[in-house]
Amino acid sequence: MKLPGSDLLYFFGVHVIPLIRGQYGMGEDEAIRKFFNSETYAMLRDPATKLFRESPLVIFDMFKAEAETGDPRQSSYIQGDAYARAM
């Protein structure tokens, strides 16, 4: 399968990383590292999830759920949604 384009992944990075920094008081480097090493980002890169169709706020909520519970599927946006059932 083809991965979402680097422009698209860059778009999410530009919009999600400031939200992470604001929520957790992290520096830019730490926020980038945490986001790119997260399961949320791995799910975003997987074309089968089609998460690239979602807004950066949904992706941030998934990251926040992962940080707080260890599982991005606990996001209020995807609880009981097709994404959660497919995973």
PDB file of N, CA and C in Angstrom:
ATOM      1  N   MET A   1       0.827  -1.182   0.000  1.00  0.00           N
ATOM      2  CA  MET A   1       0.000   0.000   0.000  1.00  0.00           C
ATOM      3  C   MET A   1       0.868   1.242   0.000  1.00  0.00           C
ATOM      4  N   LYS A   2       0.349   2.258  -0.640  1.00  0.00           N
ATOM      5  CA  LYS A   2       1.075   3.517  -0.693  1.00  0.00           C
ATOM      6  C   LYS A   2       0.797   4.318   0.571  1.00  0.00           C
ATOM      7  N   LEU A   3       1.841   4.869   1.155  1.00  0.00           N
ATOM      8  CA  LEU A   3       1.697   5.710   2.342  1.00  0.00           C
ATOM      9  C   LEU A   3       1.135   7.061   1.952  1.00  0.00           C
ATOM     10  N   PRO A   4       0.419   7.705   2.875  1.00  0.00           N
ATOM     11  CA  PRO A   4       0.019   9.082   2.606  1.00  0.00           C
ATOM     12  C   PRO A   4       1.244   9.919   2.285  1.00  0.00           C
ATOM     13  N   GLY A   5       1.108  10.873   1.388  1.00  0.00           N
ATOM     14  CA  GLY A   5       2.232  11.675   0.932  1.00  0.00           C
ATOM     15  C   GLY A   5       2.903  12.457   2.037  1.00  0.00           C
ATOM     16  N   SER A   6       4.176  12.747   1.814  1.00  0.00           N
ATOM     17  CA  SER A   6       4.939  13.475   2.829  1.00  0.00           C
ATOM     18  C   SER A   6       4.350  14.862   3.076  1.00  0.00           C
ATOM     19  N   ASP A   7       3.744  15.482   2.054  1.00  0.00           N
ATOM     20  CA  ASP A   7       3.103  16.782   2.261  1.00  0.00           C
ATOM     21  C   ASP A   7       1.957  16.669   3.256  1.00  0.00           C
ATOM     22  N   LEU A   8       1.209  15.588   3.159  1.00  0.00           N
ATOM     23  CA  LEU A   8       0.087  15.375   4.058  1.00  0.00           C
ATOM     24  C   LEU A   8       0.578  15.133   5.486  1.00  0.00           C
ATOM     25  N   LEU A   9       1.611  14.317   5.629  1.00  0.00           N
ATOM     26  CA  LEU A   9       2.169  14.060   6.954  1.00  0.00           C
ATOM     27  C   LEU A   9       2.767  15.337   7.539  1.00  0.00           C
ATOM     28  N   TYR A  10       3.384  16.152   6.691  1.00  0.00           N
ATOM     29  CA  TYR A  10       3.922  17.440   7.129  1.00  0.00           C
ATOM     30  C   TYR A  10       2.779  18.332   7.630  1.00  0.00           C
ATOM     31  N   PHE A  11       1.660  18.349   6.888  1.00  0.00           N
ATOM     32  CA  PHE A  11       0.483  19.124   7.279  1.00  0.00           C
ATOM     33  C   PHE A  11       0.040  18.765   8.695  1.00  0.00           C
ATOM     34  N   PHE A  12      -0.065  17.476   8.978  1.00  0.00           N
ATOM     35  CA  PHE A  12      -0.492  17.062  10.312  1.00  0.00           C
ATOM     36  C   PHE A  12       0.543  17.457  11.352  1.00  0.00           C
ATOM     37  N   GLY A  13       1.803  17.314  11.031  1.00  0.00           N
ATOM     38  CA  GLY A  13       2.846  17.719  11.968  1.00  0.00           C
ATOM     39  C   GLY A  13       2.766  19.193  12.310  1.00  0.00           C
ATOM     40  N   VAL A  14       2.555  20.017  11.302  1.00  0.00           N
ATOM     41  CA  VAL A  14       2.486  21.462  11.503  1.00  0.00           C
ATOM     42  C   VAL A  14       1.295  21.843  12.378  1.00  0.00           C
ATOM     43  N   HIS A  15       0.193  21.130  12.255  1.00  0.00           N
ATOM     44  CA  HIS A  15      -1.013  21.494  12.993  1.00  0.00           C
ATOM     45  C   HIS A  15      -1.161  20.772  14.337  1.00  0.00           C
ATOM     46  N   VAL A  16      -0.603  19.593  14.461  1.00  0.00           N
ATOM     47  CA  VAL A  16      -0.769  18.821  15.689  1.00  0.00           C
ATOM     48  C   VAL A  16       0.314  19.167  16.714  1.00  0.00           C
ATOM     49  N   ILE A  17       1.520  19.380  16.270  1.00  0.00           N
ATOM     50  CA  ILE A  17       2.630  19.620  17.196  1.00  0.00           C
ATOM     51  C   ILE A  17       2.408  20.865  18.072  1.00  0.00           C
ATOM     52  N   PRO A  18       1.915  21.974  17.534  1.00  0.00           N
ATOM     53  CA  PRO A  18       1.629  23.110  18.425  1.00  0.00           C
ATOM     54  C   PRO A  18       0.562  22.785  19.483  1.00  0.00           C
ATOM     55  N   LEU A  19      -0.397  21.954  19.135  1.00  0.00           N
ATOM     56  CA  LEU A  19      -1.414  21.545  20.116  1.00  0.00           C
ATOM     57  C   LEU A  19      -0.779  20.709  21.225  1.00  0.00           C
ATOM     58  N   ILE A  20       0.124  19.821  20.859  1.00  0.00           N
ATOM     59  CA  ILE A  20       0.839  18.997  21.840  1.00  0.00           C
ATOM     60  C   ILE A  20       1.668  19.896  22.747  1.00  0.00           C
ATOM     61  N   ARG A  21       2.373  20.838  22.154  1.00  0.00           N
ATOM     62  CA  ARG A  21       3.210  21.748  22.947  1.00  0.00           C
ATOM     63  C   ARG A  21       2.365  22.529  23.937  1.00  0.00           C
ATOM     64  N   GLY A  22       1.222  23.031  23.471  1.00  0.00           N
ATOM     65  CA  GLY A  22       0.360  23.810  24.343  1.00  0.00           C
ATOM     66  C   GLY A  22      -0.256  22.990  25.464  1.00  0.00           C
ATOM     67  N   GLN A  23      -0.663  21.780  25.144  1.00  0.00           N
ATOM     68  CA  GLN A  23      -1.320  20.923  26.144  1.00  0.00           C
ATOM     69  C   GLN A  23      -0.345  20.442  27.209  1.00  0.00           C
ATOM     70  N   TYR A  24       0.866  20.089  26.774  1.00  0.00           N
ATOM     71  CA  TYR A  24       1.804  19.440  27.688  1.00  0.00           C
ATOM     72  C   TYR A  24       3.007  20.303  28.064  1.00  0.00           C
ATOM     73  N   GLY A  25       3.066  21.526  27.563  1.00  0.00           N
ATOM     74  CA  GLY A  25       4.169  22.416  27.919  1.00  0.00           C
ATOM     75  C   GLY A  25       5.527  21.913  27.465  1.00  0.00           C
ATOM     76  N   MET A  26       5.564  21.212  26.352  1.00  0.00           N
ATOM     77  CA  MET A  26       6.819  20.648  25.835  1.00  0.00           C
ATOM     78  C   MET A  26       7.493  21.633  24.883  1.00  0.00           C
ATOM     79  N   GLY A  27       8.791  21.466  24.751  1.00  0.00           N
ATOM     80  CA  GLY A  27       9.507  22.170  23.710  1.00  0.00           C
ATOM     81  C   GLY A  27       9.190  21.535  22.362  1.00  0.00           C
ATOM     82  N   GLU A  28       9.539  22.239  21.313  1.00  0.00           N
ATOM     83  CA  GLU A  28       9.232  21.755  19.968  1.00  0.00           C
ATOM     84  C   GLU A  28       9.882  20.406  19.666  1.00  0.00           C
ATOM     85  N   ASP A  29      11.158  20.259  19.985  1.00  0.00           N
ATOM     86  CA  ASP A  29      11.862  19.009  19.690  1.00  0.00           C
ATOM     87  C   ASP A  29      11.221  17.815  20.399  1.00  0.00           C
ATOM     88  N   GLU A  30      10.877  17.992  21.663  1.00  0.00           N
ATOM     89  CA  GLU A  30      10.262  16.900  22.418  1.00  0.00           C
ATOM     90  C   GLU A  30       8.885  16.555  21.852  1.00  0.00           C
ATOM     91  N   ALA A  31       8.104  17.574  21.501  1.00  0.00           N
ATOM     92  CA  ALA A  31       6.768  17.335  20.946  1.00  0.00           C
ATOM     93  C   ALA A  31       6.861  16.605  19.600  1.00  0.00           C
ATOM     94  N   ILE A  32       7.798  17.006  18.768  1.00  0.00           N
ATOM     95  CA  ILE A  32       7.995  16.348  17.472  1.00  0.00           C
ATOM     96  C   ILE A  32       8.372  14.886  17.690  1.00  0.00           C
ATOM     97  N   ARG A  33       9.335  14.663  18.581  1.00  0.00           N
ATOM     98  CA  ARG A  33       9.795  13.289  18.844  1.00  0.00           C
ATOM     99  C   ARG A  33       8.661  12.419  19.361  1.00  0.00           C
ATOM    100  N   LYS A  34       7.901  12.936  20.321  1.00  0.00           N
ATOM    101  CA  LYS A  34       6.799  12.154  20.889  1.00  0.00           C
ATOM    102  C   LYS A  34       5.720  11.859  19.852  1.00  0.00           C
ATOM    103  N   PHE A  35       5.379  12.846  19.035  1.00  0.00           N
ATOM    104  CA  PHE A  35       4.345  12.634  18.023  1.00  0.00           C
ATOM    105  C   PHE A  35       4.807  11.618  16.978  1.00  0.00           C
ATOM    106  N   PHE A  36       6.015  11.806  16.443  1.00  0.00           N
ATOM    107  CA  PHE A  36       6.489  10.909  15.385  1.00  0.00           C
ATOM    108  C   PHE A  36       6.786   9.498  15.881  1.00  0.00           C
ATOM    109  N   ASN A  37       6.972   9.326  17.183  1.00  0.00           N
ATOM    110  CA  ASN A  37       7.191   7.994  17.754  1.00  0.00           C
ATOM    111  C   ASN A  37       5.926   7.381  18.344  1.00  0.00           C
ATOM    112  N   SER A  38       4.802   8.041  18.164  1.00  0.00           N
ATOM    113  CA  SER A  38       3.565   7.575  18.777  1.00  0.00           C
ATOM    114  C   SER A  38       2.833   6.562  17.900  1.00  0.00           C
ATOM    115  N   GLU A  39       1.996   5.786  18.548  1.00  0.00           N
ATOM    116  CA  GLU A  39       1.120   4.873  17.817  1.00  0.00           C
ATOM    117  C   GLU A  39       0.129   5.669  16.973  1.00  0.00           C
ATOM    118  N   THR A  40      -0.270   6.826  17.473  1.00  0.00           N
ATOM    119  CA  THR A  40      -1.179   7.693  16.712  1.00  0.00           C
ATOM    120  C   THR A  40      -0.573   8.019  15.356  1.00  0.00           C
ATOM    121  N   TYR A  41       0.703   8.400  15.340  1.00  0.00           N
ATOM    122  CA  TYR A  41       1.363   8.732  14.079  1.00  0.00           C
ATOM    123  C   TYR A  41       1.485   7.507  13.188  1.00  0.00           C
ATOM    124  N   ALA A  42       1.775   6.361  13.768  1.00  0.00           N
ATOM    125  CA  ALA A  42       1.844   5.123  12.979  1.00  0.00           C
ATOM    126  C   ALA A  42       0.488   4.827  12.340  1.00  0.00           C
ATOM    127  N   MET A  43      -0.580   5.047  13.094  1.00  0.00           N
ATOM    128  CA  MET A  43      -1.925   4.837  12.547  1.00  0.00           C
ATOM    129  C   MET A  43      -2.218   5.850  11.444  1.00  0.00           C
ATOM    130  N   LEU A  44      -1.779   7.081  11.624  1.00  0.00           N
ATOM    131  CA  LEU A  44      -1.968   8.116  10.610  1.00  0.00           C
ATOM    132  C   LEU A  44      -1.249   7.749   9.314  1.00  0.00           C
ATOM    133  N   ARG A  45      -0.077   7.160   9.427  1.00  0.00           N
ATOM    134  CA  ARG A  45       0.704   6.769   8.249  1.00  0.00           C
ATOM    135  C   ARG A  45       0.135   5.536   7.540  1.00  0.00           C
ATOM    136  N   ASP A  46      -0.694   4.776   8.218  1.00  0.00           N
ATOM    137  CA  ASP A  46      -1.262   3.553   7.642  1.00  0.00           C
ATOM    138  C   ASP A  46      -2.463   3.924   6.768  1.00  0.00           C
ATOM    139  N   PRO A  47      -2.341   3.743   5.450  1.00  0.00           N
ATOM    140  CA  PRO A  47      -3.440   4.139   4.572  1.00  0.00           C
ATOM    141  C   PRO A  47      -4.730   3.364   4.824  1.00  0.00           C
ATOM    142  N   ALA A  48      -4.640   2.204   5.422  1.00  0.00           N
ATOM    143  CA  ALA A  48      -5.840   1.400   5.679  1.00  0.00           C
ATOM    144  C   ALA A  48      -6.761   2.067   6.690  1.00  0.00           C
ATOM    145  N   THR A  49      -6.212   2.873   7.604  1.00  0.00           N
ATOM    146  CA  THR A  49      -7.048   3.532   8.608  1.00  0.00           C
ATOM    147  C   THR A  49      -7.789   4.739   8.048  1.00  0.00           C
ATOM    148  N   LYS A  50      -7.265   5.310   6.971  1.00  0.00           N
ATOM    149  CA  LYS A  50      -7.829   6.516   6.358  1.00  0.00           C
ATOM    150  C   LYS A  50      -7.904   7.696   7.344  1.00  0.00           C
ATOM    151  N   LEU A  51      -7.052   7.667   8.352  1.00  0.00           N
ATOM    152  CA  LEU A  51      -7.033   8.765   9.318  1.00  0.00           C
ATOM    153  C   LEU A  51      -6.590  10.079   8.691  1.00  0.00           C
ATOM    154  N   PHE A  52      -5.885  10.007   7.570  1.00  0.00           N
ATOM    155  CA  PHE A  52      -5.448  11.225   6.899  1.00  0.00           C
ATOM    156  C   PHE A  52      -6.640  12.054   6.423  1.00  0.00           C
ATOM    157  N   ARG A  53      -7.830  11.487   6.447  1.00  0.00           N
ATOM    158  CA  ARG A  53      -9.044  12.218   6.077  1.00  0.00           C
ATOM    159  C   ARG A  53      -9.607  13.039   7.236  1.00  0.00           C
ATOM    160  N   GLU A  54      -9.100  12.803   8.427  1.00  0.00           N
ATOM    161  CA  GLU A  54      -9.611  13.470   9.619  1.00  0.00           C
ATOM    162  C   GLU A  54      -8.915  14.811   9.838  1.00  0.00           C
ATOM    163  N   SER A  55      -9.497  15.597  10.705  1.00  0.00           N
ATOM    164  CA  SER A  55      -8.911  16.903  11.008  1.00  0.00           C
ATOM    165  C   SER A  55      -7.739  16.738  11.970  1.00  0.00           C
ATOM    166  N   PRO A  56      -6.852  17.720  12.006  1.00  0.00           N
ATOM    167  CA  PRO A  56      -5.766  17.681  12.980  1.00  0.00           C
ATOM    168  C   PRO A  56      -6.281  17.604  14.422  1.00  0.00           C
ATOM    169  N   LEU A  57      -7.470  18.144  14.696  1.00  0.00           N
ATOM    170  CA  LEU A  57      -8.015  18.071  16.060  1.00  0.00           C
ATOM    171  C   LEU A  57      -8.351  16.635  16.450  1.00  0.00           C
ATOM    172  N   VAL A  58      -8.812  15.842  15.498  1.00  0.00           N
ATOM    173  CA  VAL A  58      -9.075  14.427  15.775  1.00  0.00           C
ATOM    174  C   VAL A  58      -7.763  13.708  16.056  1.00  0.00           C
ATOM    175  N   ILE A  59      -6.751  13.978  15.241  1.00  0.00           N
ATOM    176  CA  ILE A  59      -5.443  13.339  15.427  1.00  0.00           C
ATOM    177  C   ILE A  59      -4.854  13.756  16.780  1.00  0.00           C
ATOM    178  N   PHE A  60      -4.993  15.029  17.137  1.00  0.00           N
ATOM    179  CA  PHE A  60      -4.511  15.475  18.448  1.00  0.00           C
ATOM    180  C   PHE A  60      -5.265  14.772  19.572  1.00  0.00           C
ATOM    181  N   ASP A  61      -6.566  14.621  19.439  1.00  0.00           N
ATOM    182  CA  ASP A  61      -7.332  13.942  20.479  1.00  0.00           C
ATOM    183  C   ASP A  61      -6.878  12.489  20.621  1.00  0.00           C
ATOM    184  N   MET A  62      -6.555  11.863  19.516  1.00  0.00           N
ATOM    185  CA  MET A  62      -6.024  10.497  19.573  1.00  0.00           C
ATOM    186  C   MET A  62      -4.678  10.479  20.300  1.00  0.00           C
ATOM    187  N   PHE A  63      -3.817  11.438  19.972  1.00  0.00           N
ATOM    188  CA  PHE A  63      -2.517  11.514  20.640  1.00  0.00           C
ATOM    189  C   PHE A  63      -2.715  11.719  22.140  1.00  0.00           C
ATOM    190  N   LYS A  64      -3.621  12.616  22.506  1.00  0.00           N
ATOM    191  CA  LYS A  64      -3.897  12.895  23.912  1.00  0.00           C
ATOM    192  C   LYS A  64      -4.417  11.640  24.624  1.00  0.00           C
ATOM    193  N   ALA A  65      -5.310  10.911  23.971  1.00  0.00           N
ATOM    194  CA  ALA A  65      -5.811   9.665  24.561  1.00  0.00           C
ATOM    195  C   ALA A  65      -4.676   8.662  24.736  1.00  0.00           C
ATOM    196  N   GLU A  66      -3.790   8.592  23.758  1.00  0.00           N
ATOM    197  CA  GLU A  66      -2.640   7.692  23.870  1.00  0.00           C
ATOM    198  C   GLU A  66      -1.735   8.103  25.028  1.00  0.00           C
ATOM    199  N   ALA A  67      -1.490   9.401  25.174  1.00  0.00           N
ATOM    200  CA  ALA A  67      -0.627   9.888  26.262  1.00  0.00           C
ATOM    201  C   ALA A  67      -1.251   9.597  27.628  1.00  0.00           C
ATOM    202  N   GLU A  68      -2.566   9.674  27.703  1.00  0.00           N
ATOM    203  CA  GLU A  68      -3.242   9.515  28.993  1.00  0.00           C
ATOM    204  C   GLU A  68      -3.621   8.069  29.319  1.00  0.00           C
ATOM    205  N   THR A  69      -3.903   7.264  28.297  1.00  0.00           N
ATOM    206  CA  THR A  69      -4.368   5.895  28.540  1.00  0.00           C
ATOM    207  C   THR A  69      -3.459   4.828  27.948  1.00  0.00           C
ATOM    208  N   GLY A  70      -2.546   5.246  27.054  1.00  0.00           N
ATOM    209  CA  GLY A  70      -1.696   4.280  26.368  1.00  0.00           C
ATOM    210  C   GLY A  70      -2.314   3.758  25.087  1.00  0.00           C
ATOM    211  N   ASP A  71      -3.534   4.206  24.749  1.00  0.00           N
ATOM    212  CA  ASP A  71      -4.224   3.687  23.576  1.00  0.00           C
ATOM    213  C   ASP A  71      -4.932   4.821  22.839  1.00  0.00           C
ATOM    214  N   PRO A  72      -4.474   5.148  21.621  1.00  0.00           N
ATOM    215  CA  PRO A  72      -5.129   6.223  20.870  1.00  0.00           C
ATOM    216  C   PRO A  72      -6.581   5.904  20.511  1.00  0.00           C
ATOM    217  N   ARG A  73      -6.937   4.635  20.555  1.00  0.00           N
ATOM    218  CA  ARG A  73      -8.314   4.239  20.233  1.00  0.00           C
ATOM    219  C   ARG A  73      -9.311   4.660  21.314  1.00  0.00           C
ATOM    220  N   GLN A  74      -8.785   5.154  22.437  1.00  0.00           N
ATOM    221  CA  GLN A  74      -9.646   5.658  23.507  1.00  0.00           C
ATOM    222  C   GLN A  74     -10.104   7.093  23.237  1.00  0.00           C
ATOM    223  N   SER A  75      -9.689   7.654  22.129  1.00  0.00           N
ATOM    224  CA  SER A  75     -10.106   9.003  21.757  1.00  0.00           C
ATOM    225  C   SER A  75     -11.620   9.082  21.687  1.00  0.00           C
ATOM    226  N   SER A  76     -12.153  10.171  22.191  1.00  0.00           N
ATOM    227  CA  SER A  76     -13.610  10.351  22.150  1.00  0.00           C
ATOM    228  C   SER A  76     -14.125  10.412  20.724  1.00  0.00           C
ATOM    229  N   TYR A  77     -13.274  10.767  19.779  1.00  0.00           N
ATOM    230  CA  TYR A  77     -13.688  10.850  18.386  1.00  0.00           C
ATOM    231  C   TYR A  77     -13.858   9.491  17.734  1.00  0.00           C
ATOM    232  N   ILE A  78     -13.146   8.493  18.220  1.00  0.00           N
ATOM    233  CA  ILE A  78     -13.239   7.193  17.544  1.00  0.00           C
ATOM    234  C   ILE A  78     -13.810   6.084  18.406  1.00  0.00           C
ATOM    235  N   GLN A  79     -14.185   6.392  19.639  1.00  0.00           N
ATOM    236  CA  GLN A  79     -14.818   5.372  20.481  1.00  0.00           C
ATOM    237  C   GLN A  79     -16.054   4.833  19.763  1.00  0.00           C
ATOM    238  N   GLY A  80     -16.068   3.547  19.503  1.00  0.00           N
ATOM    239  CA  GLY A  80     -17.220   2.932  18.846  1.00  0.00           C
ATOM    240  C   GLY A  80     -17.315   3.206  17.364  1.00  0.00           C
ATOM    241  N   ASP A  81     -16.379   3.945  16.802  1.00  0.00           N
ATOM    242  CA  ASP A  81     -16.384   4.270  15.380  1.00  0.00           C
ATOM    243  C   ASP A  81     -15.761   3.122  14.588  1.00  0.00           C
ATOM    244  N   ALA A  82     -15.860   3.198  13.288  1.00  0.00           N
ATOM    245  CA  ALA A  82     -15.322   2.162  12.405  1.00  0.00           C
ATOM    246  C   ALA A  82     -13.820   1.990  12.601  1.00  0.00           C
ATOM    247  N   TYR A  83     -13.099   3.079  12.916  1.00  0.00           N
ATOM    248  CA  TYR A  83     -11.659   2.970  13.130  1.00  0.00           C
ATOM    249  C   TYR A  83     -11.364   2.015  14.282  1.00  0.00           C
ATOM    250  N   ALA A  84     -12.088   2.198  15.364  1.00  0.00           N
ATOM    251  CA  ALA A  84     -11.860   1.369  16.563  1.00  0.00           C
ATOM    252  C   ALA A  84     -12.204  -0.088  16.283  1.00  0.00           C
ATOM    253  N   ARG A  85     -13.256  -0.349  15.526  1.00  0.00           N
ATOM    254  CA  ARG A  85     -13.622  -1.724  15.220  1.00  0.00           C
ATOM    255  C   ARG A  85     -12.636  -2.384  14.280  1.00  0.00           C
ATOM    256  N   ALA A  86     -12.028  -1.600  13.395  1.00  0.00           N
ATOM    257  CA  ALA A  86     -11.095  -2.167  12.418  1.00  0.00           C
ATOM    258  C   ALA A  86      -9.741  -2.468  13.028  1.00  0.00           C
ATOM    259  N   MET A  87      -9.444  -1.890  14.191  1.00  0.00           N
ATOM    260  CA  MET A  87      -8.120  -2.040  14.773  1.00  0.00           C
ATOM    261  C   MET A  87      -8.095  -3.179  15.736  1.00  0.00           C
TER     262      MET A  87
END
